C-alpha cells in the first residue's frame, strides 16, 4: 500500500501546475509525502547554498580584508571586481550596550539636572515565563500593557507505519 502511495501521486514539479482545489482533494497520505519531499528539497537547497556561500567566502575573504583596510573601514560594505563580476562584501556592525552601565549613566545624567532621554532610549520587556509565574494581582496590573500576536500556523504531516 505504501509503495503505491509513493508512486501514484503527483511530483513536486507537477504539483505547482495543479489548481489548489486539486491539491486539497489529494489523499492525506499524498499531502504528507509531498510535504516531506518539499522539506527535503528545501533542506538540500539550503545545504547547497551554504556550501556555495562558504566557497565564495574562502575565495574573496582576503580581498575583502584588503579592500576594507584600504578604505579605512572595520565594518560596512566594500566593493571590488573579479573580471566582469562586482563583489560587494558587507560586514554589518552589531552594537550591544551594557544595560546596567547605561542605567547608571542615565541616573548620573538625571542627577546632573539633564534629561537622560536626550541621550539614551529606554526599553521595557517582560519575560513570558516570568509573567505566567507572577501572582494574579501583579499579572492583572500588567495585562493592559500586554498584546499577544500569533505567528504563522504550520502543519507537519507524518505517515504512521502500516498496522498502527
N, C-alpha and C. Protein backbone atom coordinates (compact mmCIF):
# COMPACT_ATOMS: atom_id res chain seq x y z
N UNK A 1 0.84 -1.20 0.00
CA UNK A 1 0.00 0.00 0.00
C UNK A 1 0.88 1.26 0.00
N UNK A 2 1.90 1.26 0.85
CA UNK A 2 2.76 2.44 0.95
C UNK A 2 3.50 2.70 -0.35
N UNK A 3 3.97 1.66 -1.03
CA UNK A 3 4.67 1.83 -2.30
C UNK A 3 3.74 2.43 -3.35
N UNK A 4 2.49 2.01 -3.35
CA UNK A 4 1.52 2.55 -4.30
C UNK A 4 1.30 4.04 -4.04
N UNK A 5 1.28 4.43 -2.77
CA UNK A 5 1.11 5.84 -2.43
C UNK A 5 2.29 6.66 -2.93
N UNK A 6 3.48 6.10 -2.85
CA UNK A 6 4.68 6.83 -3.25
C UNK A 6 4.75 7.00 -4.77
N UNK A 7 4.26 6.03 -5.52
CA UNK A 7 4.38 6.10 -6.97
C UNK A 7 3.15 6.69 -7.64
N UNK A 8 2.00 6.60 -7.02
CA UNK A 8 0.75 7.04 -7.62
C UNK A 8 0.32 8.39 -7.06
N UNK A 9 1.22 9.37 -7.12
CA UNK A 9 0.92 10.70 -6.61
C UNK A 9 1.67 11.72 -7.46
N UNK A 10 1.21 12.96 -7.42
CA UNK A 10 1.91 13.96 -8.22
C UNK A 10 3.30 14.26 -7.62
N UNK A 11 4.22 14.66 -8.47
CA UNK A 11 5.54 15.08 -8.02
C UNK A 11 5.45 16.55 -7.60
N UNK A 12 6.50 17.04 -6.98
CA UNK A 12 6.52 18.46 -6.63
C UNK A 12 6.43 19.33 -7.88
N UNK A 13 7.12 18.92 -8.96
CA UNK A 13 7.06 19.70 -10.20
C UNK A 13 5.64 19.71 -10.77
N UNK A 14 4.96 18.57 -10.75
CA UNK A 14 3.59 18.51 -11.27
C UNK A 14 2.64 19.29 -10.36
N UNK A 15 2.92 19.28 -9.07
CA UNK A 15 2.04 19.93 -8.09
C UNK A 15 1.93 21.43 -8.34
N UNK A 16 3.01 22.06 -8.79
CA UNK A 16 2.99 23.51 -8.99
C UNK A 16 2.03 23.92 -10.11
N UNK A 17 1.63 22.97 -10.96
CA UNK A 17 0.72 23.28 -12.07
C UNK A 17 -0.73 22.89 -11.77
N UNK A 18 -0.96 22.30 -10.59
CA UNK A 18 -2.32 21.89 -10.23
C UNK A 18 -3.06 23.04 -9.56
N UNK A 19 -4.34 23.16 -9.83
CA UNK A 19 -5.13 24.15 -9.09
C UNK A 19 -5.22 23.74 -7.62
N UNK A 20 -5.33 24.70 -6.74
CA UNK A 20 -5.36 24.40 -5.31
C UNK A 20 -6.49 23.44 -4.97
N UNK A 21 -7.60 23.51 -5.71
CA UNK A 21 -8.72 22.59 -5.43
C UNK A 21 -8.30 21.14 -5.63
N UNK A 22 -7.44 20.88 -6.63
CA UNK A 22 -6.94 19.51 -6.85
C UNK A 22 -5.97 19.10 -5.75
N UNK A 23 -5.17 20.04 -5.29
CA UNK A 23 -4.22 19.73 -4.22
C UNK A 23 -4.98 19.42 -2.94
N UNK A 24 -6.01 20.20 -2.64
CA UNK A 24 -6.82 19.97 -1.44
C UNK A 24 -7.46 18.59 -1.49
N UNK A 25 -7.83 18.14 -2.69
CA UNK A 25 -8.54 16.87 -2.84
C UNK A 25 -7.62 15.65 -2.77
N UNK A 26 -6.29 15.86 -2.75
CA UNK A 26 -5.36 14.72 -2.69
C UNK A 26 -5.55 13.97 -1.38
N UNK A 27 -5.28 12.67 -1.40
CA UNK A 27 -5.34 11.91 -0.14
C UNK A 27 -4.33 12.48 0.87
N UNK A 28 -4.67 12.40 2.14
CA UNK A 28 -3.80 12.92 3.20
C UNK A 28 -2.40 12.31 3.12
N UNK A 29 -2.33 11.04 2.74
CA UNK A 29 -1.03 10.38 2.63
C UNK A 29 -0.17 11.05 1.55
N UNK A 30 -0.79 11.44 0.44
CA UNK A 30 -0.05 12.13 -0.62
C UNK A 30 0.45 13.49 -0.12
N UNK A 31 -0.43 14.22 0.60
CA UNK A 31 -0.01 15.50 1.14
C UNK A 31 1.16 15.35 2.10
N UNK A 32 1.11 14.31 2.93
CA UNK A 32 2.20 14.07 3.88
C UNK A 32 3.51 13.78 3.13
N UNK A 33 3.44 12.95 2.09
CA UNK A 33 4.64 12.62 1.32
C UNK A 33 5.15 13.84 0.56
N UNK A 34 4.24 14.63 -0.01
CA UNK A 34 4.65 15.85 -0.72
C UNK A 34 5.29 16.86 0.23
N UNK A 35 4.73 16.97 1.42
CA UNK A 35 5.31 17.88 2.41
C UNK A 35 6.72 17.43 2.77
N UNK A 36 6.92 16.13 2.95
CA UNK A 36 8.25 15.60 3.24
C UNK A 36 9.20 15.86 2.07
N UNK A 37 8.72 15.62 0.86
CA UNK A 37 9.55 15.90 -0.33
C UNK A 37 9.96 17.37 -0.38
N UNK A 38 9.00 18.26 -0.14
CA UNK A 38 9.30 19.70 -0.19
C UNK A 38 10.31 20.08 0.88
N UNK A 39 10.13 19.55 2.08
CA UNK A 39 11.06 19.85 3.18
C UNK A 39 12.46 19.34 2.85
N UNK A 40 12.56 18.12 2.30
CA UNK A 40 13.87 17.55 1.95
C UNK A 40 14.52 18.34 0.82
N UNK A 41 13.72 18.78 -0.15
CA UNK A 41 14.25 19.59 -1.25
C UNK A 41 14.76 20.92 -0.73
N UNK A 42 14.00 21.55 0.16
CA UNK A 42 14.42 22.82 0.75
C UNK A 42 15.70 22.64 1.56
N UNK A 43 15.75 21.59 2.37
CA UNK A 43 16.96 21.33 3.17
C UNK A 43 18.17 21.12 2.28
N UNK A 44 18.00 20.37 1.20
CA UNK A 44 19.11 20.13 0.26
C UNK A 44 19.54 21.43 -0.39
N UNK A 45 18.59 22.27 -0.76
CA UNK A 45 18.92 23.56 -1.38
C UNK A 45 19.65 24.46 -0.37
N UNK A 46 19.23 24.43 0.89
CA UNK A 46 19.91 25.23 1.91
C UNK A 46 21.34 24.73 2.13
N UNK A 47 21.54 23.42 2.15
CA UNK A 47 22.90 22.87 2.29
C UNK A 47 23.76 23.28 1.10
N UNK A 48 23.21 23.24 -0.10
CA UNK A 48 23.95 23.64 -1.29
C UNK A 48 24.29 25.12 -1.24
N UNK A 49 23.32 25.95 -0.82
CA UNK A 49 23.57 27.38 -0.70
C UNK A 49 24.68 27.64 0.32
N UNK A 50 24.64 26.97 1.46
CA UNK A 50 25.69 27.14 2.47
C UNK A 50 27.05 26.75 1.91
N UNK A 51 27.11 25.68 1.14
CA UNK A 51 28.36 25.20 0.56
C UNK A 51 28.91 26.23 -0.43
N UNK A 52 28.03 26.76 -1.27
CA UNK A 52 28.44 27.77 -2.26
C UNK A 52 28.89 29.04 -1.54
N UNK A 53 28.13 29.49 -0.54
CA UNK A 53 28.48 30.70 0.20
C UNK A 53 29.83 30.53 0.90
N UNK A 54 30.11 29.34 1.43
CA UNK A 54 31.40 29.09 2.09
C UNK A 54 32.53 29.17 1.06
N UNK A 55 32.32 28.63 -0.13
CA UNK A 55 33.35 28.69 -1.18
C UNK A 55 33.59 30.14 -1.60
N UNK A 56 32.53 30.90 -1.73
CA UNK A 56 32.67 32.32 -2.10
C UNK A 56 33.44 33.07 -1.02
N UNK A 57 33.10 32.82 0.25
CA UNK A 57 33.80 33.48 1.35
C UNK A 57 35.29 33.14 1.34
N UNK A 58 35.60 31.87 1.13
CA UNK A 58 37.02 31.48 1.07
C UNK A 58 37.74 32.15 -0.09
N UNK A 59 37.06 32.25 -1.22
CA UNK A 59 37.69 32.84 -2.40
C UNK A 59 37.97 34.33 -2.23
N UNK A 60 37.04 35.07 -1.61
CA UNK A 60 37.14 36.52 -1.59
C UNK A 60 37.47 37.13 -0.22
N UNK A 61 37.62 36.32 0.80
CA UNK A 61 37.84 36.84 2.15
C UNK A 61 39.07 37.76 2.24
N UNK A 62 40.19 37.34 1.69
CA UNK A 62 41.41 38.15 1.76
C UNK A 62 41.28 39.45 0.97
N UNK A 63 40.64 39.37 -0.20
CA UNK A 63 40.43 40.59 -0.98
C UNK A 63 39.52 41.56 -0.25
N UNK A 64 38.53 41.04 0.45
CA UNK A 64 37.62 41.89 1.21
C UNK A 64 38.37 42.56 2.36
N UNK A 65 39.23 41.80 3.04
CA UNK A 65 40.03 42.39 4.12
C UNK A 65 40.91 43.51 3.58
N UNK A 66 41.55 43.28 2.44
CA UNK A 66 42.39 44.29 1.82
C UNK A 66 41.60 45.52 1.42
N UNK A 67 40.44 45.31 0.82
CA UNK A 67 39.60 46.43 0.38
C UNK A 67 39.11 47.23 1.59
N UNK A 68 38.76 46.51 2.66
CA UNK A 68 38.28 47.20 3.86
C UNK A 68 39.42 48.01 4.49
N UNK A 69 40.62 47.43 4.53
CA UNK A 69 41.79 48.15 5.08
C UNK A 69 42.10 49.38 4.23
N UNK A 70 42.06 49.21 2.91
CA UNK A 70 42.36 50.33 2.00
C UNK A 70 41.34 51.46 2.17
N UNK A 71 40.11 51.10 2.51
CA UNK A 71 39.06 52.11 2.69
C UNK A 71 39.05 52.66 4.12
N UNK A 72 39.90 52.10 4.98
CA UNK A 72 39.92 52.55 6.37
C UNK A 72 38.66 52.19 7.13
N UNK A 73 38.06 51.04 6.79
CA UNK A 73 36.81 50.62 7.41
C UNK A 73 37.01 49.33 8.21
N UNK A 74 36.36 49.25 9.36
CA UNK A 74 36.33 47.99 10.12
C UNK A 74 35.09 47.19 9.76
N UNK A 75 34.02 47.91 9.41
CA UNK A 75 32.74 47.27 9.09
C UNK A 75 32.16 47.98 7.87
N UNK A 76 31.00 47.50 7.45
CA UNK A 76 30.32 48.13 6.32
C UNK A 76 30.57 47.37 5.03
N UNK A 77 30.28 48.01 3.92
CA UNK A 77 30.35 47.38 2.61
C UNK A 77 31.56 47.86 1.83
N UNK A 78 32.25 46.91 1.23
CA UNK A 78 33.32 47.23 0.28
C UNK A 78 32.99 46.52 -1.02
N UNK A 79 33.47 47.08 -2.12
CA UNK A 79 33.21 46.51 -3.45
C UNK A 79 34.52 46.37 -4.19
N UNK A 80 34.60 45.27 -4.98
CA UNK A 80 35.74 45.08 -5.86
C UNK A 80 35.31 44.19 -7.01
N UNK A 81 36.14 44.14 -8.04
CA UNK A 81 35.81 43.41 -9.26
C UNK A 81 36.61 42.10 -9.33
N UNK A 82 35.99 41.10 -9.92
CA UNK A 82 36.66 39.87 -10.33
C UNK A 82 36.18 39.63 -11.76
N UNK A 83 36.97 40.08 -12.70
CA UNK A 83 36.54 40.01 -14.10
C UNK A 83 35.34 40.90 -14.30
N UNK A 84 34.28 40.32 -14.85
CA UNK A 84 33.06 41.09 -15.12
C UNK A 84 32.11 41.11 -13.92
N UNK A 85 32.55 40.54 -12.82
CA UNK A 85 31.67 40.43 -11.65
C UNK A 85 32.10 41.43 -10.58
N UNK A 86 31.12 42.20 -10.10
CA UNK A 86 31.39 43.07 -8.96
C UNK A 86 31.02 42.31 -7.71
N UNK A 87 31.91 42.31 -6.74
CA UNK A 87 31.66 41.64 -5.47
C UNK A 87 31.45 42.72 -4.42
N UNK A 88 30.31 42.70 -3.77
CA UNK A 88 30.03 43.60 -2.66
C UNK A 88 30.05 42.74 -1.40
N UNK A 89 30.89 43.11 -0.47
CA UNK A 89 31.04 42.35 0.77
C UNK A 89 30.62 43.23 1.93
N UNK A 90 29.60 42.81 2.64
CA UNK A 90 29.09 43.59 3.75
C UNK A 90 29.45 42.90 5.06
N UNK A 91 30.04 43.64 5.96
CA UNK A 91 30.33 43.16 7.31
C UNK A 91 29.54 44.08 8.25
N UNK A 92 28.35 43.63 8.65
CA UNK A 92 27.49 44.51 9.44
C UNK A 92 28.05 44.78 10.83
N UNK A 93 27.70 45.92 11.35
CA UNK A 93 28.09 46.30 12.71
C UNK A 93 26.95 45.90 13.63
N UNK A 94 27.26 45.15 14.67
CA UNK A 94 26.27 44.75 15.68
C UNK A 94 26.72 45.34 17.02
N UNK A 95 26.07 46.38 17.45
CA UNK A 95 26.45 47.05 18.68
C UNK A 95 25.55 46.57 19.81
N UNK A 96 26.16 46.20 20.92
CA UNK A 96 25.41 45.83 22.11
C UNK A 96 25.85 46.75 23.24
N UNK A 97 24.92 47.16 24.05
CA UNK A 97 25.20 48.08 25.15
C UNK A 97 24.97 47.36 26.47
N UNK A 98 25.84 47.62 27.42
CA UNK A 98 25.72 47.06 28.77
C UNK A 98 24.55 47.81 29.45
N UNK A 99 23.45 47.09 29.65
CA UNK A 99 22.24 47.72 30.17
C UNK A 99 22.42 48.30 31.58
N UNK A 100 23.16 47.61 32.43
CA UNK A 100 23.36 48.10 33.80
C UNK A 100 24.18 49.39 33.78
N UNK A 101 25.20 49.45 32.94
CA UNK A 101 26.01 50.68 32.87
C UNK A 101 25.20 51.83 32.27
N UNK A 102 24.38 51.53 31.27
CA UNK A 102 23.53 52.58 30.70
C UNK A 102 22.55 53.12 31.75
N UNK A 103 22.00 52.23 32.55
CA UNK A 103 21.07 52.66 33.60
C UNK A 103 21.79 53.57 34.60
N UNK A 104 23.02 53.20 34.98
CA UNK A 104 23.79 54.02 35.91
C UNK A 104 24.13 55.38 35.29
N UNK A 105 24.52 55.38 34.02
CA UNK A 105 24.81 56.64 33.33
C UNK A 105 23.56 57.51 33.24
N UNK A 106 22.42 56.90 32.98
CA UNK A 106 21.17 57.65 32.91
C UNK A 106 20.88 58.33 34.25
N UNK A 107 21.12 57.62 35.35
CA UNK A 107 20.89 58.20 36.67
C UNK A 107 21.86 59.35 36.94
N UNK A 108 23.10 59.21 36.47
CA UNK A 108 24.07 60.30 36.64
C UNK A 108 23.62 61.54 35.86
N UNK A 109 23.12 61.31 34.65
CA UNK A 109 22.64 62.42 33.82
C UNK A 109 21.46 63.10 34.51
N UNK A 110 20.52 62.28 35.04
CA UNK A 110 19.34 62.83 35.73
C UNK A 110 19.79 63.60 36.97
N UNK A 111 20.75 63.05 37.73
CA UNK A 111 21.25 63.72 38.94
C UNK A 111 21.94 65.03 38.59
N UNK A 112 22.50 65.11 37.38
CA UNK A 112 23.15 66.34 36.94
C UNK A 112 22.16 67.37 36.42
N UNK A 113 20.88 67.05 36.48
CA UNK A 113 19.85 68.01 36.09
C UNK A 113 19.46 67.94 34.62
N UNK A 114 19.96 66.97 33.90
CA UNK A 114 19.60 66.85 32.48
C UNK A 114 18.63 65.69 32.28
N UNK A 115 18.03 65.67 31.11
CA UNK A 115 17.09 64.61 30.75
C UNK A 115 17.84 63.48 30.06
N UNK A 116 17.92 62.28 30.67
CA UNK A 116 18.63 61.17 30.03
C UNK A 116 17.98 60.73 28.72
N UNK A 117 16.72 61.08 28.52
CA UNK A 117 16.02 60.75 27.29
C UNK A 117 16.64 61.43 26.07
N UNK A 118 17.44 62.45 26.30
CA UNK A 118 18.15 63.11 25.21
C UNK A 118 19.31 62.27 24.70
N UNK A 119 19.74 61.30 25.53
CA UNK A 119 20.93 60.53 25.20
C UNK A 119 20.69 59.04 25.02
N UNK A 120 19.73 58.50 25.75
CA UNK A 120 19.50 57.05 25.69
C UNK A 120 18.02 56.75 25.50
N UNK A 121 17.75 55.60 24.92
CA UNK A 121 16.38 55.11 24.80
C UNK A 121 16.16 54.04 25.87
N UNK A 122 14.99 54.02 26.43
CA UNK A 122 14.67 53.03 27.45
C UNK A 122 13.67 52.05 26.87
N UNK A 123 13.95 50.77 27.04
CA UNK A 123 13.05 49.73 26.56
C UNK A 123 12.70 48.82 27.73
N UNK A 124 11.42 48.53 27.87
CA UNK A 124 10.98 47.61 28.91
C UNK A 124 10.53 46.33 28.25
N UNK A 125 10.91 45.22 28.82
CA UNK A 125 10.49 43.92 28.32
C UNK A 125 10.09 43.06 29.51
N UNK A 126 9.19 42.14 29.27
CA UNK A 126 8.77 41.19 30.30
C UNK A 126 8.91 39.79 29.73
N UNK A 127 9.60 38.95 30.42
CA UNK A 127 9.72 37.55 30.01
C UNK A 127 8.36 36.88 30.15
N UNK A 128 7.94 36.16 29.13
CA UNK A 128 6.64 35.49 29.17
C UNK A 128 6.63 34.42 30.27
N UNK A 129 7.76 33.77 30.45
CA UNK A 129 7.85 32.74 31.51
C UNK A 129 7.64 33.38 32.87
N UNK A 130 8.27 34.55 33.10
CA UNK A 130 8.11 35.25 34.37
C UNK A 130 6.66 35.71 34.54
N UNK A 131 6.09 36.26 33.47
CA UNK A 131 4.72 36.77 33.51
C UNK A 131 3.75 35.68 33.97
N UNK A 132 3.88 34.49 33.38
CA UNK A 132 2.94 33.42 33.73
C UNK A 132 3.16 32.90 35.16
N UNK A 133 4.33 33.16 35.74
CA UNK A 133 4.62 32.70 37.10
C UNK A 133 4.22 33.73 38.16
N UNK A 134 3.91 34.96 37.74
CA UNK A 134 3.58 36.01 38.70
C UNK A 134 2.26 35.72 39.41
N UNK A 135 2.08 36.30 40.60
CA UNK A 135 0.77 36.19 41.27
C UNK A 135 -0.29 36.92 40.43
N UNK A 136 -1.53 36.50 40.55
CA UNK A 136 -2.63 37.07 39.76
C UNK A 136 -2.70 38.60 39.88
N UNK A 137 -2.54 39.16 41.08
CA UNK A 137 -2.70 40.61 41.26
C UNK A 137 -1.65 41.37 40.44
N UNK A 138 -0.45 40.84 40.32
CA UNK A 138 0.60 41.51 39.54
C UNK A 138 0.31 41.34 38.04
N UNK A 139 -0.06 40.11 37.65
CA UNK A 139 -0.37 39.85 36.24
C UNK A 139 -1.51 40.74 35.76
N UNK A 140 -2.55 40.90 36.59
CA UNK A 140 -3.69 41.74 36.22
C UNK A 140 -3.28 43.19 36.02
N UNK A 141 -2.34 43.67 36.81
CA UNK A 141 -1.88 45.05 36.66
C UNK A 141 -1.14 45.24 35.34
N UNK A 142 -0.41 44.22 34.90
CA UNK A 142 0.38 44.32 33.67
C UNK A 142 -0.42 43.98 32.42
N UNK A 143 -1.53 43.29 32.59
CA UNK A 143 -2.28 42.79 31.43
C UNK A 143 -2.65 43.86 30.40
N UNK A 144 -3.05 45.08 30.80
CA UNK A 144 -3.38 46.08 29.77
C UNK A 144 -2.19 46.47 28.89
N UNK A 145 -0.99 46.22 29.36
CA UNK A 145 0.20 46.58 28.58
C UNK A 145 0.68 45.41 27.72
N UNK A 146 -0.03 44.32 27.73
CA UNK A 146 0.39 43.09 27.05
C UNK A 146 -0.49 42.83 25.84
N UNK A 147 0.15 42.57 24.70
CA UNK A 147 -0.56 42.20 23.48
C UNK A 147 0.00 40.87 23.01
N UNK A 148 -0.88 39.95 22.67
CA UNK A 148 -0.45 38.65 22.17
C UNK A 148 -0.80 38.55 20.70
N UNK A 149 0.22 38.29 19.88
CA UNK A 149 0.01 38.07 18.45
C UNK A 149 0.41 36.63 18.15
N UNK A 150 -0.13 36.10 17.09
CA UNK A 150 0.24 34.74 16.71
C UNK A 150 1.20 34.77 15.54
N UNK A 151 1.98 33.73 15.45
CA UNK A 151 2.87 33.57 14.31
C UNK A 151 2.16 32.83 13.20
N UNK A 152 2.94 32.38 12.24
CA UNK A 152 2.39 31.64 11.11
C UNK A 152 2.09 30.22 11.54
N UNK A 153 0.91 29.77 11.26
CA UNK A 153 0.50 28.42 11.61
C UNK A 153 1.21 27.42 10.70
N UNK A 154 1.73 26.35 11.28
CA UNK A 154 2.40 25.32 10.49
C UNK A 154 1.74 23.98 10.73
N UNK A 155 1.84 23.13 9.74
CA UNK A 155 1.29 21.78 9.83
C UNK A 155 2.39 20.80 9.47
N UNK A 156 2.60 19.80 10.27
CA UNK A 156 3.55 18.76 9.94
C UNK A 156 2.79 17.45 9.85
N UNK A 157 2.80 16.85 8.69
CA UNK A 157 2.11 15.60 8.49
C UNK A 157 3.12 14.47 8.55
N UNK A 158 2.82 13.45 9.33
CA UNK A 158 3.72 12.32 9.47
C UNK A 158 2.96 11.04 9.17
N UNK A 159 3.50 10.24 8.27
CA UNK A 159 2.87 8.97 7.96
C UNK A 159 3.16 7.97 9.07
N UNK A 160 2.14 7.31 9.53
CA UNK A 160 2.34 6.29 10.55
C UNK A 160 2.62 4.96 9.86
N UNK A 161 3.46 4.15 10.47
CA UNK A 161 3.72 2.85 9.86
C UNK A 161 2.42 2.05 9.74
N UNK A 162 2.36 1.21 8.70
CA UNK A 162 1.15 0.41 8.47
C UNK A 162 0.88 -0.50 9.67
N UNK A 163 -0.39 -0.67 9.98
CA UNK A 163 -0.79 -1.55 11.05
C UNK A 163 -0.82 -0.89 12.41
N UNK A 164 -0.53 0.41 12.46
CA UNK A 164 -0.54 1.08 13.77
C UNK A 164 -1.80 1.89 13.91
